Amino acid sequence: MKHYDVEEEETAELLLSLLIESNNEAADDLAEIIGEKSFLELMNLKAKELGMENTHFTNPNGLDPEEPDESLNYSTAEDLVKLTKYITLEQPLLWEISTIQGFENMENTNELLGQIPGIIGGKTGETPLAGKCLILVVQAPKNKGFLVNVILNSEDRFEEMKKLISWAGDAYRW
């Protein structure tokens, strides 16, 4: 049995908190492990490597700036699909964690877990400027790959996602 040191355990707890309950403080604390500036440089470098041409990160937590003159985090649905494909193919453990409905005192923010069959992973997000957002990766019908679904700036992201997934299942011959 492997023995973890305190830092590894704390890092694992932060990752769980970030991916299960969308804890923004956990994102900040994870970034502080190597320093926020270095962390942001790595985030923006990875975005560039993935071809995310319309994405830029200004903080690790995705929140809107506190001051009106501060730069915004931004992305597009197309770029988020690129990131999601990378995570699905190269970092599937992140999606596995994102589908845990509850762990210890953490409650998942994704209301669709347990409602939609074949969820591979997903992530919720919400800020006043971005609105309510949701990325959901689901197994395609007849196990023909996976579908990446993105809802941005929605009043009811969960209902819109249900409709999008239903439409995709019905609109194509699988």
N, C-alpha and C. Protein backbone atom coordinates (compact mmCIF):
# COMPACT_ATOMS: atom_id res chain seq x y z
N MET A 1 0.84 -1.18 0.00
CA MET A 1 0.00 0.00 0.00
C MET A 1 0.89 1.24 0.00
N LYS A 2 0.57 2.20 -0.87
CA LYS A 2 1.37 3.41 -0.97
C LYS A 2 1.02 4.35 0.19
N HIS A 3 2.03 4.98 0.75
CA HIS A 3 1.84 5.98 1.80
C HIS A 3 1.97 7.35 1.17
N TYR A 4 0.95 8.17 1.35
CA TYR A 4 0.96 9.51 0.78
C TYR A 4 1.43 10.50 1.83
N ASP A 5 2.15 11.50 1.39
CA ASP A 5 2.49 12.54 2.34
C ASP A 5 1.35 13.55 2.39
N VAL A 6 1.43 14.45 3.33
CA VAL A 6 0.34 15.41 3.55
C VAL A 6 0.07 16.24 2.31
N GLU A 7 1.10 16.67 1.61
CA GLU A 7 0.90 17.50 0.43
C GLU A 7 0.11 16.76 -0.65
N GLU A 8 0.42 15.49 -0.88
CA GLU A 8 -0.33 14.72 -1.88
C GLU A 8 -1.79 14.57 -1.47
N GLU A 9 -2.03 14.32 -0.19
CA GLU A 9 -3.41 14.19 0.28
C GLU A 9 -4.16 15.50 0.15
N GLU A 10 -3.52 16.60 0.50
CA GLU A 10 -4.16 17.91 0.37
C GLU A 10 -4.44 18.23 -1.08
N THR A 11 -3.51 17.93 -1.97
CA THR A 11 -3.71 18.17 -3.39
C THR A 11 -4.87 17.34 -3.92
N ALA A 12 -4.95 16.08 -3.52
CA ALA A 12 -6.05 15.21 -3.94
C ALA A 12 -7.38 15.76 -3.44
N GLU A 13 -7.43 16.22 -2.21
CA GLU A 13 -8.67 16.79 -1.66
C GLU A 13 -9.07 18.05 -2.42
N LEU A 14 -8.10 18.87 -2.76
CA LEU A 14 -8.40 20.08 -3.54
C LEU A 14 -8.96 19.73 -4.91
N LEU A 15 -8.37 18.73 -5.55
CA LEU A 15 -8.84 18.31 -6.88
C LEU A 15 -10.27 17.77 -6.78
N LEU A 16 -10.53 16.96 -5.78
CA LEU A 16 -11.89 16.44 -5.59
C LEU A 16 -12.86 17.59 -5.37
N SER A 17 -12.51 18.53 -4.52
CA SER A 17 -13.39 19.66 -4.24
C SER A 17 -13.63 20.51 -5.48
N LEU A 18 -12.59 20.71 -6.27
CA LEU A 18 -12.72 21.48 -7.50
C LEU A 18 -13.66 20.81 -8.49
N LEU A 19 -13.48 19.50 -8.70
CA LEU A 19 -14.23 18.80 -9.75
C LEU A 19 -15.61 18.34 -9.31
N ILE A 20 -15.80 18.10 -8.04
CA ILE A 20 -17.11 17.63 -7.57
C ILE A 20 -18.02 18.81 -7.25
N GLU A 21 -17.55 19.71 -6.41
CA GLU A 21 -18.43 20.77 -5.95
C GLU A 21 -18.12 22.14 -6.54
N SER A 22 -17.24 22.17 -7.55
CA SER A 22 -16.88 23.43 -8.22
C SER A 22 -16.38 24.48 -7.24
N ASN A 23 -15.52 24.09 -6.34
CA ASN A 23 -15.01 24.98 -5.31
C ASN A 23 -13.91 25.87 -5.89
N ASN A 24 -14.21 27.16 -6.02
CA ASN A 24 -13.27 28.11 -6.61
C ASN A 24 -12.04 28.32 -5.74
N GLU A 25 -12.20 28.25 -4.43
CA GLU A 25 -11.05 28.38 -3.54
C GLU A 25 -10.08 27.22 -3.76
N ALA A 26 -10.60 26.05 -4.07
CA ALA A 26 -9.73 24.90 -4.36
C ALA A 26 -8.89 25.16 -5.60
N ALA A 27 -9.48 25.81 -6.61
CA ALA A 27 -8.73 26.15 -7.82
C ALA A 27 -7.58 27.11 -7.47
N ASP A 28 -7.88 28.10 -6.65
CA ASP A 28 -6.84 29.05 -6.24
C ASP A 28 -5.75 28.35 -5.44
N ASP A 29 -6.15 27.46 -4.54
CA ASP A 29 -5.17 26.75 -3.71
C ASP A 29 -4.30 25.81 -4.54
N LEU A 30 -4.89 25.15 -5.53
CA LEU A 30 -4.10 24.30 -6.43
C LEU A 30 -3.07 25.13 -7.20
N ALA A 31 -3.48 26.29 -7.65
CA ALA A 31 -2.57 27.16 -8.39
C ALA A 31 -1.41 27.62 -7.52
N GLU A 32 -1.68 27.84 -6.26
CA GLU A 32 -0.64 28.32 -5.35
C GLU A 32 0.46 27.30 -5.10
N ILE A 33 0.22 26.04 -5.43
CA ILE A 33 1.25 25.02 -5.26
C ILE A 33 2.50 25.39 -6.05
N ILE A 34 2.31 25.92 -7.26
CA ILE A 34 3.48 26.35 -8.06
C ILE A 34 3.51 27.86 -8.24
N GLY A 35 2.53 28.54 -7.69
CA GLY A 35 2.43 29.99 -7.84
C GLY A 35 1.42 30.33 -8.91
N GLU A 36 0.55 31.30 -8.60
CA GLU A 36 -0.54 31.63 -9.52
C GLU A 36 -0.03 32.06 -10.90
N LYS A 37 1.01 32.87 -10.93
CA LYS A 37 1.53 33.35 -12.22
C LYS A 37 2.00 32.19 -13.09
N SER A 38 2.77 31.28 -12.51
CA SER A 38 3.26 30.11 -13.26
C SER A 38 2.09 29.23 -13.69
N PHE A 39 1.12 29.06 -12.80
CA PHE A 39 -0.04 28.24 -13.10
C PHE A 39 -0.81 28.81 -14.30
N LEU A 40 -1.03 30.12 -14.30
CA LEU A 40 -1.73 30.76 -15.42
C LEU A 40 -0.94 30.66 -16.71
N GLU A 41 0.37 30.80 -16.62
CA GLU A 41 1.20 30.63 -17.82
C GLU A 41 1.02 29.23 -18.40
N LEU A 42 1.00 28.22 -17.52
CA LEU A 42 0.80 26.85 -17.98
C LEU A 42 -0.60 26.64 -18.56
N MET A 43 -1.61 27.24 -17.92
CA MET A 43 -2.98 27.13 -18.45
C MET A 43 -3.06 27.71 -19.85
N ASN A 44 -2.51 28.90 -20.04
CA ASN A 44 -2.57 29.56 -21.35
C ASN A 44 -1.70 28.86 -22.38
N LEU A 45 -0.58 28.29 -21.95
CA LEU A 45 0.26 27.51 -22.86
C LEU A 45 -0.47 26.26 -23.34
N LYS A 46 -1.14 25.55 -22.42
CA LYS A 46 -1.89 24.34 -22.79
C LYS A 46 -3.03 24.72 -23.74
N ALA A 47 -3.71 25.82 -23.47
CA ALA A 47 -4.78 26.27 -24.36
C ALA A 47 -4.23 26.49 -25.77
N LYS A 48 -3.08 27.11 -25.86
CA LYS A 48 -2.45 27.37 -27.17
C LYS A 48 -2.08 26.05 -27.84
N GLU A 49 -1.49 25.12 -27.08
CA GLU A 49 -1.11 23.81 -27.63
C GLU A 49 -2.31 23.05 -28.17
N LEU A 50 -3.46 23.23 -27.53
CA LEU A 50 -4.68 22.53 -27.95
C LEU A 50 -5.40 23.25 -29.09
N GLY A 51 -4.85 24.38 -29.54
CA GLY A 51 -5.48 25.12 -30.63
C GLY A 51 -6.67 25.95 -30.18
N MET A 52 -6.71 26.27 -28.91
CA MET A 52 -7.80 27.09 -28.37
C MET A 52 -7.46 28.55 -28.63
N GLU A 53 -7.74 29.00 -29.84
CA GLU A 53 -7.31 30.33 -30.29
C GLU A 53 -8.10 31.47 -29.69
N ASN A 54 -9.28 31.19 -29.17
CA ASN A 54 -10.14 32.24 -28.61
C ASN A 54 -10.36 32.03 -27.12
N THR A 55 -9.30 31.66 -26.43
CA THR A 55 -9.35 31.40 -25.00
C THR A 55 -8.17 32.09 -24.32
N HIS A 56 -8.44 32.69 -23.18
CA HIS A 56 -7.37 33.27 -22.37
C HIS A 56 -7.80 33.22 -20.91
N PHE A 57 -6.86 32.79 -20.06
CA PHE A 57 -7.12 32.69 -18.63
C PHE A 57 -6.39 33.81 -17.90
N THR A 58 -7.11 34.50 -17.01
CA THR A 58 -6.51 35.57 -16.21
C THR A 58 -6.49 35.23 -14.73
N ASN A 59 -7.21 34.18 -14.34
CA ASN A 59 -7.15 33.67 -12.98
C ASN A 59 -7.45 32.18 -13.02
N PRO A 60 -7.05 31.45 -11.99
CA PRO A 60 -7.21 30.00 -12.03
C PRO A 60 -8.63 29.50 -11.73
N ASN A 61 -9.48 30.36 -11.19
CA ASN A 61 -10.80 29.89 -10.76
C ASN A 61 -11.93 30.19 -11.73
N GLY A 62 -11.68 30.98 -12.75
CA GLY A 62 -12.70 31.26 -13.75
C GLY A 62 -13.70 32.32 -13.35
N LEU A 63 -13.55 32.89 -12.18
CA LEU A 63 -14.51 33.90 -11.74
C LEU A 63 -14.29 35.22 -12.47
N ASP A 64 -15.37 36.02 -12.51
CA ASP A 64 -15.27 37.36 -13.08
C ASP A 64 -14.32 38.19 -12.21
N PRO A 65 -13.67 39.20 -12.81
CA PRO A 65 -12.77 40.04 -12.01
C PRO A 65 -13.54 40.85 -10.98
N GLU A 66 -12.84 41.17 -9.90
CA GLU A 66 -13.46 41.97 -8.85
C GLU A 66 -13.52 43.44 -9.24
N GLU A 67 -12.57 43.89 -10.02
CA GLU A 67 -12.51 45.29 -10.46
C GLU A 67 -12.92 45.38 -11.93
N PRO A 68 -13.69 46.40 -12.32
CA PRO A 68 -14.17 46.51 -13.70
C PRO A 68 -13.07 46.63 -14.75
N ASP A 69 -11.90 47.13 -14.38
CA ASP A 69 -10.84 47.32 -15.37
C ASP A 69 -9.92 46.09 -15.49
N GLU A 70 -10.17 45.04 -14.72
CA GLU A 70 -9.35 43.83 -14.79
C GLU A 70 -9.75 43.00 -16.02
N SER A 71 -8.79 42.23 -16.52
CA SER A 71 -9.03 41.37 -17.68
C SER A 71 -9.95 40.21 -17.32
N LEU A 72 -10.69 39.76 -18.31
CA LEU A 72 -11.62 38.64 -18.14
C LEU A 72 -11.01 37.33 -18.62
N ASN A 73 -11.41 36.23 -18.01
CA ASN A 73 -11.21 34.92 -18.61
C ASN A 73 -12.19 34.85 -19.77
N TYR A 74 -11.80 34.24 -20.87
CA TYR A 74 -12.77 34.07 -21.95
C TYR A 74 -12.46 32.82 -22.75
N SER A 75 -13.50 32.30 -23.39
CA SER A 75 -13.38 31.14 -24.26
C SER A 75 -14.60 31.09 -25.16
N THR A 76 -14.62 30.11 -26.05
CA THR A 76 -15.75 29.89 -26.94
C THR A 76 -16.20 28.44 -26.80
N ALA A 77 -17.39 28.15 -27.28
CA ALA A 77 -17.87 26.77 -27.26
C ALA A 77 -16.92 25.87 -28.06
N GLU A 78 -16.44 26.36 -29.19
CA GLU A 78 -15.53 25.57 -30.02
C GLU A 78 -14.24 25.24 -29.26
N ASP A 79 -13.68 26.22 -28.57
CA ASP A 79 -12.47 25.98 -27.80
C ASP A 79 -12.73 25.05 -26.62
N LEU A 80 -13.87 25.17 -25.99
CA LEU A 80 -14.21 24.28 -24.88
C LEU A 80 -14.36 22.84 -25.35
N VAL A 81 -14.83 22.65 -26.57
CA VAL A 81 -14.90 21.30 -27.14
C VAL A 81 -13.49 20.74 -27.31
N LYS A 82 -12.56 21.56 -27.77
CA LYS A 82 -11.17 21.10 -27.92
C LYS A 82 -10.59 20.66 -26.58
N LEU A 83 -10.82 21.46 -25.55
CA LEU A 83 -10.34 21.12 -24.22
C LEU A 83 -11.01 19.85 -23.71
N THR A 84 -12.29 19.73 -23.94
CA THR A 84 -13.05 18.56 -23.48
C THR A 84 -12.57 17.29 -24.18
N LYS A 85 -12.31 17.36 -25.47
CA LYS A 85 -11.78 16.19 -26.18
C LYS A 85 -10.44 15.77 -25.60
N TYR A 86 -9.59 16.75 -25.32
CA TYR A 86 -8.29 16.45 -24.73
C TYR A 86 -8.46 15.74 -23.38
N ILE A 87 -9.31 16.28 -22.54
CA ILE A 87 -9.53 15.67 -21.22
C ILE A 87 -10.09 14.26 -21.38
N THR A 88 -11.05 14.10 -22.28
CA THR A 88 -11.69 12.79 -22.47
C THR A 88 -10.69 11.75 -22.94
N LEU A 89 -9.82 12.11 -23.85
CA LEU A 89 -8.87 11.15 -24.42
C LEU A 89 -7.58 11.02 -23.62
N GLU A 90 -7.12 12.10 -23.01
CA GLU A 90 -5.81 12.10 -22.36
C GLU A 90 -5.84 12.14 -20.83
N GLN A 91 -6.92 12.63 -20.26
CA GLN A 91 -7.02 12.78 -18.80
C GLN A 91 -8.36 12.27 -18.29
N PRO A 92 -8.75 11.05 -18.62
CA PRO A 92 -10.10 10.58 -18.28
C PRO A 92 -10.40 10.52 -16.77
N LEU A 93 -9.36 10.45 -15.95
CA LEU A 93 -9.58 10.44 -14.50
C LEU A 93 -10.30 11.70 -14.05
N LEU A 94 -10.03 12.82 -14.70
CA LEU A 94 -10.71 14.07 -14.34
C LEU A 94 -12.22 13.94 -14.54
N TRP A 95 -12.63 13.29 -15.63
CA TRP A 95 -14.06 13.09 -15.86
C TRP A 95 -14.63 12.10 -14.87
N GLU A 96 -13.88 11.06 -14.56
CA GLU A 96 -14.36 10.10 -13.56
C GLU A 96 -14.66 10.79 -12.24
N ILE A 97 -13.75 11.66 -11.82
CA ILE A 97 -13.96 12.40 -10.58
C ILE A 97 -15.20 13.29 -10.70
N SER A 98 -15.38 13.91 -11.86
CA SER A 98 -16.50 14.85 -12.05
C SER A 98 -17.85 14.17 -12.01
N THR A 99 -17.89 12.84 -12.08
CA THR A 99 -19.17 12.13 -12.04
C THR A 99 -19.49 11.57 -10.65
N ILE A 100 -18.63 11.83 -9.68
CA ILE A 100 -18.92 11.41 -8.30
C ILE A 100 -20.02 12.32 -7.76
N GLN A 101 -21.15 11.74 -7.38
CA GLN A 101 -22.28 12.56 -6.95
C GLN A 101 -22.06 13.21 -5.59
N GLY A 102 -21.39 12.50 -4.73
CA GLY A 102 -21.09 13.05 -3.41
C GLY A 102 -19.94 12.30 -2.80
N PHE A 103 -19.13 13.02 -2.04
CA PHE A 103 -17.98 12.41 -1.39
C PHE A 103 -17.70 13.18 -0.12
N GLU A 104 -17.71 12.47 1.00
CA GLU A 104 -17.55 13.10 2.30
C GLU A 104 -18.55 14.25 2.41
N ASN A 105 -18.09 15.48 2.60
CA ASN A 105 -19.03 16.60 2.73
C ASN A 105 -19.26 17.35 1.43
N MET A 106 -18.84 16.75 0.30
CA MET A 106 -18.96 17.42 -0.99
C MET A 106 -20.20 16.92 -1.74
N GLU A 107 -20.88 17.85 -2.37
CA GLU A 107 -22.06 17.53 -3.18
C GLU A 107 -21.80 18.04 -4.60
N ASN A 108 -22.02 17.18 -5.60
CA ASN A 108 -21.76 17.56 -6.98
C ASN A 108 -22.76 18.61 -7.44
N THR A 109 -22.28 19.59 -8.20
CA THR A 109 -23.12 20.66 -8.71
C THR A 109 -23.85 20.28 -10.01
N ASN A 110 -23.53 19.11 -10.56
CA ASN A 110 -24.16 18.67 -11.80
C ASN A 110 -25.43 17.89 -11.49
N GLU A 111 -26.57 18.53 -11.66
CA GLU A 111 -27.87 17.93 -11.35
C GLU A 111 -28.25 16.79 -12.28
N LEU A 112 -27.55 16.64 -13.40
CA LEU A 112 -27.91 15.61 -14.37
C LEU A 112 -27.32 14.24 -14.05
N LEU A 113 -26.39 14.19 -13.11
CA LEU A 113 -25.82 12.89 -12.73
C LEU A 113 -26.94 12.00 -12.19
N GLY A 114 -27.03 10.80 -12.71
CA GLY A 114 -28.09 9.88 -12.32
C GLY A 114 -29.37 10.05 -13.12
N GLN A 115 -29.48 11.13 -13.89
CA GLN A 115 -30.67 11.37 -14.70
C GLN A 115 -30.47 10.97 -16.16
N ILE A 116 -29.26 11.15 -16.65
CA ILE A 116 -28.94 10.86 -18.06
C ILE A 116 -27.99 9.69 -18.10
N PRO A 117 -28.37 8.63 -18.81
CA PRO A 117 -27.46 7.48 -18.89
C PRO A 117 -26.24 7.78 -19.76
N GLY A 118 -25.13 7.15 -19.43
CA GLY A 118 -23.94 7.25 -20.26
C GLY A 118 -23.11 8.49 -20.07
N ILE A 119 -23.27 9.19 -18.94
CA ILE A 119 -22.44 10.38 -18.71
C ILE A 119 -21.00 9.93 -18.44
N ILE A 120 -20.09 10.45 -19.23
CA ILE A 120 -18.67 10.17 -19.07
C ILE A 120 -18.05 11.20 -18.13
N GLY A 121 -18.50 12.42 -18.22
CA GLY A 121 -18.00 13.49 -17.36
C GLY A 121 -18.63 14.80 -17.71
N GLY A 122 -18.32 15.80 -16.90
CA GLY A 122 -18.87 17.11 -17.17
C GLY A 122 -18.44 18.12 -16.13
N LYS A 123 -18.77 19.37 -16.39
CA LYS A 123 -18.38 20.44 -15.48
C LYS A 123 -19.38 21.56 -15.58
N THR A 124 -19.80 22.04 -14.42
CA THR A 124 -20.67 23.20 -14.35
C THR A 124 -19.82 24.45 -14.13
N GLY A 125 -20.40 25.58 -14.43
CA GLY A 125 -19.75 26.85 -14.16
C GLY A 125 -20.80 27.95 -14.17
N GLU A 126 -20.52 29.01 -13.42
CA GLU A 126 -21.47 30.12 -13.38
C GLU A 126 -20.79 31.36 -12.84
N THR A 127 -20.93 32.45 -13.57
CA THR A 127 -20.53 33.76 -13.08
C THR A 127 -21.58 34.75 -13.58
N PRO A 128 -21.65 35.94 -12.96
CA PRO A 128 -22.62 36.92 -13.44
C PRO A 128 -22.44 37.26 -14.92
N LEU A 129 -21.19 37.38 -15.39
CA LEU A 129 -20.95 37.75 -16.78
C LEU A 129 -21.12 36.58 -17.75
N ALA A 130 -20.71 35.39 -17.36
CA ALA A 130 -20.81 34.22 -18.25
C ALA A 130 -22.16 33.53 -18.17
N GLY A 131 -22.91 33.77 -17.13
CA GLY A 131 -24.17 33.07 -16.93
C GLY A 131 -23.92 31.64 -16.47
N LYS A 132 -24.95 30.82 -16.57
CA LYS A 132 -24.85 29.42 -16.17
C LYS A 132 -24.37 28.60 -17.36
N CYS A 133 -23.32 27.81 -17.15
CA CYS A 133 -22.70 27.03 -18.22
C CYS A 133 -22.59 25.57 -17.82
N LEU A 134 -22.51 24.70 -18.81
CA LEU A 134 -22.38 23.28 -18.55
C LEU A 134 -21.75 22.59 -19.74
N ILE A 135 -20.75 21.77 -19.45
CA ILE A 135 -20.16 20.87 -20.43
C ILE A 135 -20.51 19.47 -19.98
N LEU A 136 -20.99 18.65 -20.89
CA LEU A 136 -21.33 17.27 -20.55
C LEU A 136 -20.87 16.35 -21.67
N VAL A 137 -20.11 15.34 -21.31
CA VAL A 137 -19.65 14.33 -22.26
C VAL A 137 -20.47 13.07 -22.00
N VAL A 138 -21.12 12.57 -23.04
CA VAL A 138 -21.94 11.36 -22.90
C VAL A 138 -21.53 10.34 -23.95
N GLN A 139 -21.75 9.10 -23.60
CA GLN A 139 -21.52 8.01 -24.54
C GLN A 139 -22.51 8.14 -25.69
N ALA A 140 -22.04 8.05 -26.92
CA ALA A 140 -22.92 8.13 -28.08
C ALA A 140 -23.78 6.87 -28.16
N PRO A 141 -24.95 6.98 -28.78
CA PRO A 141 -25.78 5.78 -28.95
C PRO A 141 -25.00 4.65 -29.62
N LYS A 142 -25.32 3.44 -29.25
CA LYS A 142 -24.71 2.23 -29.77
C LYS A 142 -23.18 2.22 -29.56
N ASN A 143 -22.74 2.92 -28.50
CA ASN A 143 -21.31 2.99 -28.15
C ASN A 143 -20.42 3.44 -29.30
N LYS A 144 -20.93 4.37 -30.10
CA LYS A 144 -20.16 4.88 -31.25
C LYS A 144 -19.43 6.16 -30.87
N GLY A 145 -18.56 6.06 -29.88
CA GLY A 145 -17.77 7.21 -29.45
C GLY A 145 -18.45 7.98 -28.34
N PHE A 146 -18.19 9.26 -28.32
CA PHE A 146 -18.77 10.12 -27.30
C PHE A 146 -19.22 11.44 -27.91
N LEU A 147 -20.14 12.10 -27.25
CA LEU A 147 -20.64 13.39 -27.68
C LEU A 147 -20.25 14.45 -26.66
N VAL A 148 -19.70 15.54 -27.15
CA VAL A 148 -19.35 16.67 -26.30
C VAL A 148 -20.45 17.71 -26.47
N ASN A 149 -21.07 18.07 -25.37
CA ASN A 149 -22.18 19.02 -25.38
C ASN A 149 -21.80 20.24 -24.55
N VAL A 150 -22.02 21.43 -25.10
CA VAL A 150 -21.65 22.66 -24.41
C VAL A 150 -22.86 23.60 -24.40
N ILE A 151 -23.19 24.06 -23.20
CA ILE A 151 -24.24 25.07 -23.02
C ILE A 151 -23.58 26.27 -22.34
N LEU A 152 -23.71 27.45 -22.94
CA LEU A 152 -23.12 28.66 -22.38
C LEU A 152 -24.20 29.71 -22.13
N ASN A 153 -24.04 30.46 -21.07
CA ASN A 153 -24.90 31.59 -20.73
C ASN A 153 -26.39 31.24 -20.79
N SER A 154 -26.76 30.27 -20.01
CA SER A 154 -28.12 29.77 -20.00
C SER A 154 -28.86 30.14 -18.72
N GLU A 155 -30.15 30.31 -18.84
CA GLU A 155 -30.99 30.48 -17.65
C GLU A 155 -31.30 29.13 -17.03
N ASP A 156 -31.33 28.08 -17.85
CA ASP A 156 -31.65 26.73 -17.35
C ASP A 156 -30.77 25.71 -18.07
N ARG A 157 -29.51 25.69 -17.72
CA ARG A 157 -28.52 24.85 -18.40
C ARG A 157 -28.86 23.37 -18.35
N PHE A 158 -29.47 22.89 -17.28
CA PHE A 158 -29.74 21.47 -17.16
C PHE A 158 -30.88 21.03 -18.10
N GLU A 159 -31.93 21.82 -18.18
CA GLU A 159 -33.03 21.50 -19.11
C GLU A 159 -32.58 21.63 -20.55
N GLU A 160 -31.80 22.67 -20.85
CA GLU A 160 -31.28 22.84 -22.21
C GLU A 160 -30.36 21.68 -22.59
N MET A 161 -29.56 21.20 -21.63
CA MET A 161 -28.67 20.08 -21.91
C MET A 161 -29.47 18.81 -22.19
N LYS A 162 -30.53 18.58 -21.43
CA LYS A 162 -31.38 17.40 -21.68
C LYS A 162 -31.92 17.44 -23.10
N LYS A 163 -32.39 18.61 -23.53
CA LYS A 163 -32.93 18.77 -24.88
C LYS A 163 -31.85 18.55 -25.94
N LEU A 164 -30.68 19.09 -25.72
CA LEU A 164 -29.58 18.94 -26.67
C LEU A 164 -29.18 17.48 -26.83
N ILE A 165 -29.06 16.77 -25.72
CA ILE A 165 -28.68 15.36 -25.78
C ILE A 165 -29.77 14.53 -26.44
N SER A 166 -31.00 14.82 -26.13
CA SER A 166 -32.13 14.11 -26.76
C SER A 166 -32.14 14.37 -28.26
N TRP A 167 -31.96 15.62 -28.65
CA TRP A 167 -31.94 15.96 -30.07
C TRP A 167 -30.81 15.22 -30.79
N ALA A 168 -29.61 15.21 -30.21
CA ALA A 168 -28.47 14.54 -30.86
C ALA A 168 -28.74 13.05 -31.03
N GLY A 169 -29.38 12.45 -30.04
CA GLY A 169 -29.70 11.02 -30.14
C GLY A 169 -30.73 10.72 -31.22
N ASP A 170 -31.65 11.67 -31.43
CA ASP A 170 -32.72 11.46 -32.41
C ASP A 170 -32.36 11.92 -33.81
N ALA A 171 -31.47 12.91 -33.92
CA ALA A 171 -31.22 13.56 -35.20
C ALA A 171 -30.26 12.80 -36.11
N TYR A 172 -29.51 11.89 -35.56
CA TYR A 172 -28.52 11.16 -36.35
C TYR A 172 -28.82 9.67 -36.40
N ARG A 173 -28.39 9.05 -37.48
CA ARG A 173 -28.50 7.60 -37.58
C ARG A 173 -27.24 6.99 -36.98
N TRP A 174 -27.42 6.27 -35.93
CA TRP A 174 -26.29 5.70 -35.22
C TRP A 174 -26.09 4.28 -35.64
